[in-house]
Amino acid sequence: MAEAYIVSAVRTPVGRRKGSLAGVHPADLAGHAVKAAVERAGVDAGDIEDVILGCVDQLGAQSTNIARTAWLSAGLPEHVPGTTIDRQCGSSQQAVHFAAQGVMSGTQDLVVAGGVEVMSLVPISSPAIVGAQRGLGAPYNSPGWTGRYGTQEVSQFRGAELIAEKWGITRKAMEEFALRSHQRAIAAQAAGAFDTEIVPFGELRADEGPRPDTSLEKMAGLKTLTEGGRITAAVSSQISDGAAALVIASEAAVGRHGLTPLARVHTMSVTGADPILMLTAPIPATQQALKKAGLSIDDIDQYEINEAFAPVVLAWLQELGIDPARTNPLGGAIALGHPLGATGARLMTTLVHNLRRTKGRYGLQTMCEGGGMANATIIEAL
């Protein structure tokens, strides 16, 4: 069977909402990551056959195929095409899947995969909100949808509350998890664990999200997002800005260009689950990926699951019996931020580099996605 190799993986630092990256055009931010990934891989940009970027809120500066505008904004060859995809929060993880599948099919040899989101400029759900304001309709009110699911609220916030309730996850447990995320991210920064994966943008050289001064006492003082609920901003992913990119190569390209593979894409899986709970699909996606790979939970050296909300990860851990110590060991989106369309590629970049740094073999990445979906990817470090 044909193989797909990751030959470079980079990301920008993740900026806080209204932070250092807030004024950067998304095409320039994505172009910066894409160009750095190509340079790190050691290939001629003209040999890239396609650019696949994830971006969730494709409106304004993020519209009109940002994969194409990012590539051209970076001054790269005009003959290389690009396409932008939306699988909600998993968009750039799906971009990696599509790139790997193109390579494994034998139809492509070198593909860039990644993602971008500048949430300071284009707020979450902007297309739906602006569309409703302009009388263009709404996503969840078609006769087919309401005939099946009614008119109940469909949102990630409600999904997070429902998960906490269903799995009996207390606010205290979520806040303890969130604190660990910050502590792990701060320790990782101090140890230089992100240094090899980050390409600075201007003066920004490190993630802005981790909070050294956070505490359980401060978290306990926050109001819940809904009256009588358990979810607060402290146990939710941060609104952020960022970009990430990887170069995926075939075995033939590795040999022809003298490339050094960092990891092999071992197994890919994507599945759906209840769209009202919305955020539980990482559970079956992980099970599906492990089964396809012929691996057990204990075979995986590192897990990266997006910390969209603390209960997503805690329910996943509880349901599957995965070791928390091997899960998001460098912190997650609660501390590092969640620039929607970039996060899948950011997680994969962190996973690749940390597996190699710690001499681990297998890593599994998964993340919940709007609409009740999840991707899962298993890589083998080389």
Protein backbone atom coordinates (compact mmCIF):
# COMPACT_ATOMS: atom_id res chain seq x y z
CA MET A 1 0.00 0.00 0.00
CA ALA A 2 1.23 3.51 -0.81
CA GLU A 3 2.41 5.61 2.13
CA ALA A 4 1.97 9.28 3.04
CA TYR A 5 4.72 10.99 4.99
CA ILE A 6 4.75 14.24 6.93
CA VAL A 7 7.98 15.95 5.88
CA SER A 8 7.43 19.26 7.64
CA ALA A 9 5.01 20.66 10.21
CA VAL A 10 4.99 24.25 11.45
CA ARG A 11 2.65 26.70 13.07
CA THR A 12 2.52 30.32 14.04
CA PRO A 13 2.23 31.21 17.69
CA VAL A 14 -1.43 31.30 18.73
CA GLY A 15 -2.53 34.84 19.51
CA ARG A 16 -5.14 35.82 22.06
CA ARG A 17 -8.36 37.48 20.96
CA LYS A 18 -7.47 41.10 20.16
CA GLY A 19 -3.85 40.19 20.78
CA SER A 20 -0.69 40.42 18.69
CA LEU A 21 -2.17 38.75 15.58
CA ALA A 22 -5.53 40.54 15.61
CA GLY A 23 -4.53 43.04 12.94
CA VAL A 24 -2.96 40.50 10.57
CA HIS A 25 -4.78 39.63 7.36
CA PRO A 26 -5.68 35.90 7.48
CA ALA A 27 -4.18 35.31 4.04
CA ASP A 28 -0.84 36.70 5.20
CA LEU A 29 -0.92 34.66 8.41
CA ALA A 30 -1.72 31.45 6.53
CA GLY A 31 0.77 32.31 3.81
CA HIS A 32 3.48 32.73 6.43
CA ALA A 33 2.87 29.22 7.78
CA VAL A 34 2.54 27.65 4.33
CA LYS A 35 5.76 29.21 3.04
CA ALA A 36 7.65 28.16 6.17
CA ALA A 37 6.36 24.58 5.84
CA VAL A 38 7.56 24.36 2.24
CA GLU A 39 10.95 25.80 3.15
CA ARG A 40 11.33 23.46 6.13
CA ALA A 41 10.49 20.48 3.92
CA GLY A 42 13.31 21.40 1.58
CA VAL A 43 11.25 21.26 -1.62
CA ASP A 44 10.82 23.73 -4.44
CA ALA A 45 7.49 25.51 -4.02
CA GLY A 46 6.83 24.91 -7.71
CA ASP A 47 6.74 21.16 -7.08
CA ILE A 48 3.77 21.43 -4.71
CA GLU A 49 0.69 20.06 -6.47
CA ASP A 50 -2.08 21.44 -4.28
CA VAL A 51 -2.72 23.49 -1.16
CA ILE A 52 -5.61 22.41 1.09
CA LEU A 53 -6.48 24.70 3.98
CA GLY A 54 -9.20 24.51 6.60
CA CYS A 55 -11.11 27.65 7.55
CA VAL A 56 -14.44 27.59 9.37
CA ASP A 57 -15.87 31.10 9.10
CA GLN A 58 -15.32 31.89 5.44
CA LEU A 59 -16.49 35.48 5.37
CA GLY A 60 -14.80 38.76 4.50
CA ALA A 61 -11.02 38.40 4.56
CA GLN A 62 -11.37 34.64 5.04
CA SER A 63 -13.66 34.16 2.03
CA THR A 64 -13.09 33.47 -1.67
CA ASN A 65 -10.82 30.45 -1.17
CA ILE A 66 -8.20 31.58 1.34
CA ALA A 67 -5.97 28.62 0.45
CA ARG A 68 -5.41 30.26 -2.91
CA THR A 69 -5.06 33.82 -1.63
CA ALA A 70 -2.70 32.71 1.15
CA TRP A 71 -0.40 30.92 -1.28
CA LEU A 72 -0.31 33.89 -3.65
CA SER A 73 0.03 36.41 -0.81
CA ALA A 74 3.17 34.55 0.26
CA GLY A 75 4.69 35.21 -3.17
CA LEU A 76 4.57 31.54 -4.21
CA PRO A 77 4.17 30.21 -7.79
CA GLU A 78 0.89 31.03 -9.52
CA HIS A 79 0.54 27.62 -11.17
CA VAL A 80 -0.01 25.88 -7.80
CA PRO A 81 -3.77 25.68 -7.01
CA GLY A 82 -5.50 25.68 -3.66
CA THR A 83 -8.81 24.80 -2.07
CA THR A 84 -10.45 25.67 1.23
CA ILE A 85 -12.56 23.22 3.22
CA ASP A 86 -14.94 23.36 6.17
CA ARG A 87 -15.40 20.40 8.48
CA GLN A 88 -16.00 22.82 11.32
CA CYS A 89 -13.33 22.63 14.06
CA GLY A 90 -11.74 19.61 12.35
CA SER A 91 -11.21 21.46 9.06
CA SER A 92 -7.43 21.40 9.00
CA GLN A 93 -7.25 17.85 10.35
CA GLN A 94 -9.48 16.93 7.41
CA ALA A 95 -7.09 18.89 5.17
CA VAL A 96 -4.32 16.56 6.34
CA HIS A 97 -6.55 13.58 5.57
CA PHE A 98 -7.33 14.83 2.07
CA ALA A 99 -3.65 15.53 1.38
CA ALA A 100 -2.62 12.10 2.64
CA GLN A 101 -5.38 10.43 0.62
CA GLY A 102 -4.25 12.26 -2.51
CA VAL A 103 -0.73 11.00 -1.98
CA MET A 104 -1.80 7.46 -1.06
CA SER A 105 -4.02 7.25 -4.15
CA GLY A 106 -0.98 7.80 -6.34
CA THR A 107 -2.43 10.91 -7.98
CA GLN A 108 -0.23 13.40 -6.11
CA ASP A 109 3.27 13.47 -4.62
CA LEU A 110 3.52 16.73 -2.67
CA VAL A 111 0.60 18.50 -1.03
CA VAL A 112 0.41 21.26 1.57
CA ALA A 113 -2.27 20.84 4.23
CA GLY A 114 -3.11 23.29 6.99
CA GLY A 115 -5.52 25.89 8.22
CA VAL A 116 -6.09 29.40 9.48
CA GLU A 117 -8.55 31.43 11.52
CA VAL A 118 -8.29 35.01 12.72
CA MET A 119 -11.19 35.08 15.13
CA SER A 120 -10.38 38.60 16.27
CA LEU A 121 -11.37 39.76 12.78
CA VAL A 122 -14.04 37.21 11.82
CA PRO A 123 -15.91 36.14 14.96
CA ILE A 124 -17.22 32.61 15.41
CA SER A 125 -20.41 31.84 13.46
CA SER A 126 -20.14 35.05 11.44
CA PRO A 127 -21.52 33.53 8.20
CA ALA A 128 -24.63 32.24 9.98
CA ILE A 129 -25.17 35.46 11.92
CA VAL A 130 -24.62 37.76 8.94
CA GLY A 131 -26.71 35.48 6.75
CA ALA A 132 -29.62 35.66 9.17
CA GLN A 133 -29.30 39.43 9.41
CA ARG A 134 -29.44 39.70 5.63
CA GLY A 135 -32.46 37.43 5.35
CA LEU A 136 -30.50 34.58 3.80
CA GLY A 137 -31.90 31.86 6.03
CA ALA A 138 -30.45 29.81 8.90
CA PRO A 139 -28.72 26.41 9.05
CA TYR A 140 -31.08 24.60 11.43
CA ASN A 141 -34.59 25.56 10.39
CA SER A 142 -35.22 23.64 7.18
CA PRO A 143 -38.37 21.51 7.16
CA GLY A 144 -36.23 18.39 6.94
CA TRP A 145 -34.14 19.40 9.95
CA THR A 146 -37.01 20.51 12.16
CA GLY A 147 -38.99 17.44 11.20
CA ARG A 148 -36.17 15.31 12.58
CA TYR A 149 -34.74 17.38 15.46
CA GLY A 150 -37.41 19.97 16.18
CA THR A 151 -36.63 23.58 17.01
CA GLN A 152 -34.39 22.93 20.01
CA GLU A 153 -31.18 24.91 20.42
CA VAL A 154 -28.27 23.55 18.41
CA SER A 155 -24.96 24.90 19.72
CA GLN A 156 -21.61 23.77 21.01
CA PHE A 157 -22.36 25.49 24.33
CA ARG A 158 -25.52 23.48 24.86
CA GLY A 159 -23.68 20.34 23.75
CA ALA A 160 -20.98 20.91 26.35
CA GLU A 161 -23.61 21.36 29.09
CA LEU A 162 -25.44 18.21 27.99
CA ILE A 163 -22.20 16.20 28.05
CA ALA A 164 -21.30 17.41 31.55
CA GLU A 165 -24.78 16.40 32.71
CA LYS A 166 -24.84 13.02 30.95
CA TRP A 167 -21.40 11.93 32.20
CA GLY A 168 -21.81 13.46 35.66
CA ILE A 169 -18.86 15.82 35.29
CA THR A 170 -18.77 18.45 38.00
CA ARG A 171 -17.72 22.05 37.61
CA LYS A 172 -14.88 21.40 40.04
CA ALA A 173 -13.55 18.51 37.92
CA MET A 174 -13.68 20.69 34.82
CA GLU A 175 -11.86 23.54 36.54
CA GLU A 176 -9.16 21.18 37.80
CA PHE A 177 -8.72 19.91 34.24
CA ALA A 178 -8.51 23.47 32.90
CA LEU A 179 -5.88 24.39 35.49
CA ARG A 180 -3.79 21.39 34.43
CA SER A 181 -4.01 22.53 30.83
CA HIS A 182 -2.54 25.91 31.73
CA GLN A 183 0.11 24.36 33.97
CA ARG A 184 1.20 21.92 31.27
CA ALA A 185 1.34 24.63 28.60
CA ILE A 186 3.38 26.94 30.82
CA ALA A 187 5.79 24.12 31.68
CA ALA A 188 6.09 23.24 27.98
CA GLN A 189 6.90 26.83 27.08
CA ALA A 190 9.53 27.02 29.82
CA ALA A 191 11.12 23.78 28.59
CA GLY A 192 11.23 24.99 24.98
CA ALA A 193 8.94 22.15 23.88
CA PHE A 194 7.27 24.31 21.22
CA ASP A 195 10.43 25.90 19.86
CA THR A 196 10.92 23.54 16.90
CA GLU A 197 7.31 23.82 15.70
CA ILE A 198 6.69 27.56 15.97
CA VAL A 199 7.64 30.00 13.23
CA PRO A 200 7.51 33.48 14.79
CA PHE A 201 5.30 36.11 13.18
CA GLY A 202 6.78 39.56 13.58
CA GLU A 203 7.64 40.07 17.22
CA LEU A 204 5.36 37.28 18.42
CA ARG A 205 7.38 34.17 19.22
CA ALA A 206 5.23 32.29 21.75
CA ASP A 207 1.59 31.43 22.37
CA GLU A 208 -0.26 34.18 24.21
CA GLY A 209 -2.98 32.04 25.81
CA PRO A 210 -1.39 30.28 28.81
CA ARG A 211 -2.11 32.10 32.06
CA PRO A 212 0.49 31.69 34.83
CA ASP A 213 -1.75 33.55 37.28
CA THR A 214 -4.85 31.40 36.90
CA SER A 215 -6.11 29.42 39.87
CA LEU A 216 -9.04 27.33 41.02
CA GLU A 217 -10.16 30.23 43.18
CA LYS A 218 -10.32 32.59 40.19
CA MET A 219 -12.14 30.02 38.09
CA ALA A 220 -14.69 29.41 40.83
CA GLY A 221 -15.61 33.10 40.79
CA LEU A 222 -16.68 33.14 37.13
CA LYS A 223 -20.31 33.15 36.05
CA THR A 224 -21.61 30.18 34.10
CA LEU A 225 -22.51 30.73 30.45
CA THR A 226 -26.12 29.78 31.18
CA GLU A 227 -28.10 30.15 34.38
CA GLY A 228 -27.89 26.95 36.41
CA GLY A 229 -25.24 25.51 34.08
CA ARG A 230 -21.70 24.26 34.72
CA ILE A 231 -19.73 25.67 31.77
CA THR A 232 -17.72 28.87 32.23
CA ALA A 233 -15.18 30.64 30.05
CA ALA A 234 -12.43 29.05 32.17
CA VAL A 235 -13.31 25.52 31.05
CA SER A 236 -13.78 26.48 27.40
CA SER A 237 -11.27 26.90 24.58
CA GLN A 238 -9.96 30.40 24.03
CA ILE A 239 -10.98 32.57 21.09
CA SER A 240 -7.73 32.86 19.16
CA ASP A 241 -5.83 33.69 15.99
CA GLY A 242 -3.35 31.38 14.28
CA ALA A 243 -2.27 29.26 11.34
CA ALA A 244 -0.45 25.97 10.77
CA ALA A 245 0.76 23.97 7.79
CA LEU A 246 2.27 20.59 6.95
CA VAL A 247 3.79 19.15 3.79
CA ILE A 248 2.62 15.64 2.94
CA ALA A 249 4.81 13.60 0.57
CA SER A 250 4.69 10.28 -1.21
CA GLU A 251 7.47 7.72 -0.90
CA ALA A 252 8.53 8.58 -4.45
CA ALA A 253 8.77 12.29 -3.57
CA VAL A 254 10.78 11.52 -0.46
CA GLY A 255 13.32 9.64 -2.57
CA ARG A 256 13.33 12.03 -5.52
CA HIS A 257 13.78 15.18 -3.43
CA GLY A 258 15.94 13.67 -0.67
CA LEU A 259 13.39 14.55 2.03
CA THR A 260 13.48 13.54 5.69
CA PRO A 261 10.12 12.15 6.88
CA LEU A 262 9.09 13.17 10.38
CA ALA A 263 6.16 10.76 10.61
CA ARG A 264 3.97 8.41 8.61
CA VAL A 265 0.23 8.83 8.38
CA HIS A 266 -0.79 5.44 9.74
CA THR A 267 -4.60 5.51 9.96
CA MET A 268 -7.39 7.99 9.21
CA SER A 269 -10.98 7.89 10.41
CA VAL A 270 -13.96 10.22 10.41
CA THR A 271 -17.41 9.59 11.82
CA GLY A 272 -20.62 11.23 12.94
CA ALA A 273 -22.68 11.16 16.13
CA ASP A 274 -25.64 12.96 17.72
CA PRO A 275 -25.68 16.53 16.31
CA ILE A 276 -27.47 17.88 19.39
CA LEU A 277 -24.92 16.52 21.86
CA MET A 278 -22.61 17.56 19.01
CA LEU A 279 -19.25 17.07 20.76
CA THR A 280 -19.20 13.33 21.56
CA ALA A 281 -17.99 11.95 18.22
CA PRO A 282 -14.31 11.74 19.30
CA ILE A 283 -15.37 8.66 21.31
CA PRO A 284 -16.47 6.51 18.34
CA ALA A 285 -13.86 8.11 16.05
CA THR A 286 -11.07 7.01 18.40
CA GLN A 287 -12.51 3.51 18.67
CA GLN A 288 -12.84 3.29 14.90
CA ALA A 289 -9.27 4.47 14.26
CA LEU A 290 -7.76 2.05 16.78
CA LYS A 291 -9.74 -0.84 15.29
CA LYS A 292 -8.67 0.03 11.74
CA ALA A 293 -5.05 0.32 12.86
CA GLY A 294 -5.07 -2.93 14.82
CA LEU A 295 -3.79 -1.06 17.86
CA SER A 296 -4.91 -0.90 21.48
CA ILE A 297 -5.35 2.15 23.68
CA ASP A 298 -2.08 1.30 25.42
CA ASP A 299 -0.14 1.23 22.13
CA ILE A 300 -0.56 4.99 21.75
CA ASP A 301 2.24 7.03 23.28
CA GLN A 302 0.52 10.41 23.04
CA TYR A 303 -3.05 11.55 22.53
CA GLU A 304 -4.06 14.99 21.33
CA ILE A 305 -7.77 15.75 21.69
CA ASN A 306 -8.99 19.27 21.18
CA GLU A 307 -10.07 20.95 24.39
CA ALA A 308 -13.09 22.66 22.90
CA PHE A 309 -14.61 22.33 26.38
CA ALA A 310 -13.31 20.41 29.39
CA PRO A 311 -16.27 17.96 29.48
CA VAL A 312 -15.50 16.83 25.91
CA VAL A 313 -12.12 15.51 27.01
CA LEU A 314 -13.27 14.27 30.42
CA ALA A 315 -16.15 12.26 28.94
CA TRP A 316 -13.79 10.81 26.30
CA LEU A 317 -11.27 9.82 28.97
CA GLN A 318 -14.00 8.31 31.13
CA GLU A 319 -15.62 6.39 28.29
CA LEU A 320 -12.44 4.94 26.80
CA GLY A 321 -10.23 4.55 29.88
CA ILE A 322 -7.34 6.49 28.35
CA ASP A 323 -4.44 7.58 30.56
CA PRO A 324 -4.78 11.34 31.29
CA ALA A 325 -0.98 11.62 31.59
CA ARG A 326 -0.62 10.73 27.89
CA THR A 327 -3.38 13.12 26.84
CA ASN A 328 -2.48 16.69 25.82
CA PRO A 329 0.78 16.53 27.78
CA LEU A 330 1.77 20.03 26.62
CA GLY A 331 -1.62 21.56 27.38
CA GLY A 332 -4.55 22.08 25.07
CA ALA A 333 -6.92 24.65 23.64
CA ILE A 334 -8.13 25.80 27.07
CA ALA A 335 -4.63 27.19 27.58
CA LEU A 336 -3.17 27.44 24.08
CA GLY A 337 -6.26 28.64 22.24
CA HIS A 338 -8.48 27.34 19.45
CA PRO A 339 -8.20 29.26 16.16
CA LEU A 340 -10.97 27.14 14.63
CA GLY A 341 -9.73 26.32 11.13
CA ALA A 342 -6.10 26.06 12.22
CA THR A 343 -6.44 23.88 15.30
CA GLY A 344 -6.40 20.48 13.57
CA ALA A 345 -3.08 21.29 11.91
CA ARG A 346 -1.79 22.89 15.12
CA LEU A 347 -2.54 19.71 17.08
CA MET A 348 -0.91 17.55 14.41
CA THR A 349 2.17 19.77 14.36
CA THR A 350 2.52 19.55 18.13
CA LEU A 351 1.94 15.79 18.07
CA VAL A 352 4.59 15.17 15.39
CA HIS A 353 7.28 17.22 17.10
CA ASN A 354 6.61 16.02 20.64
CA LEU A 355 6.56 12.35 19.63
CA ARG A 356 9.97 12.79 18.06
CA ARG A 357 11.23 14.81 21.02
CA THR A 358 10.14 12.16 23.53
CA LYS A 359 11.01 9.21 21.24
CA GLY A 360 7.42 8.00 21.18
CA ARG A 361 6.15 5.87 18.31
CA TYR A 362 2.38 6.24 17.88
CA GLY A 363 0.25 9.33 18.33
CA LEU A 364 -3.51 9.70 17.99
CA GLN A 365 -5.28 12.99 17.33
CA THR A 366 -9.02 13.58 17.47
CA MET A 367 -11.35 16.52 17.81
CA CYS A 368 -15.05 17.26 18.09
CA GLU A 369 -16.70 19.15 15.26
CA GLY A 370 -19.90 21.12 14.71
CA GLY A 371 -22.76 19.01 13.46
CA GLY A 372 -21.71 16.05 15.60
CA MET A 373 -18.61 14.76 13.79
CA ALA A 374 -14.99 13.90 14.59
CA ASN A 375 -11.80 13.05 12.77
CA ALA A 376 -9.21 10.71 14.24
CA THR A 377 -5.69 10.29 12.89
CA ILE A 378 -2.96 7.92 14.00
CA ILE A 379 0.61 8.79 13.02
CA GLU A 380 3.85 6.86 13.50
CA ALA A 381 6.88 8.98 14.31
CA LEU A 382 10.03 8.25 12.33
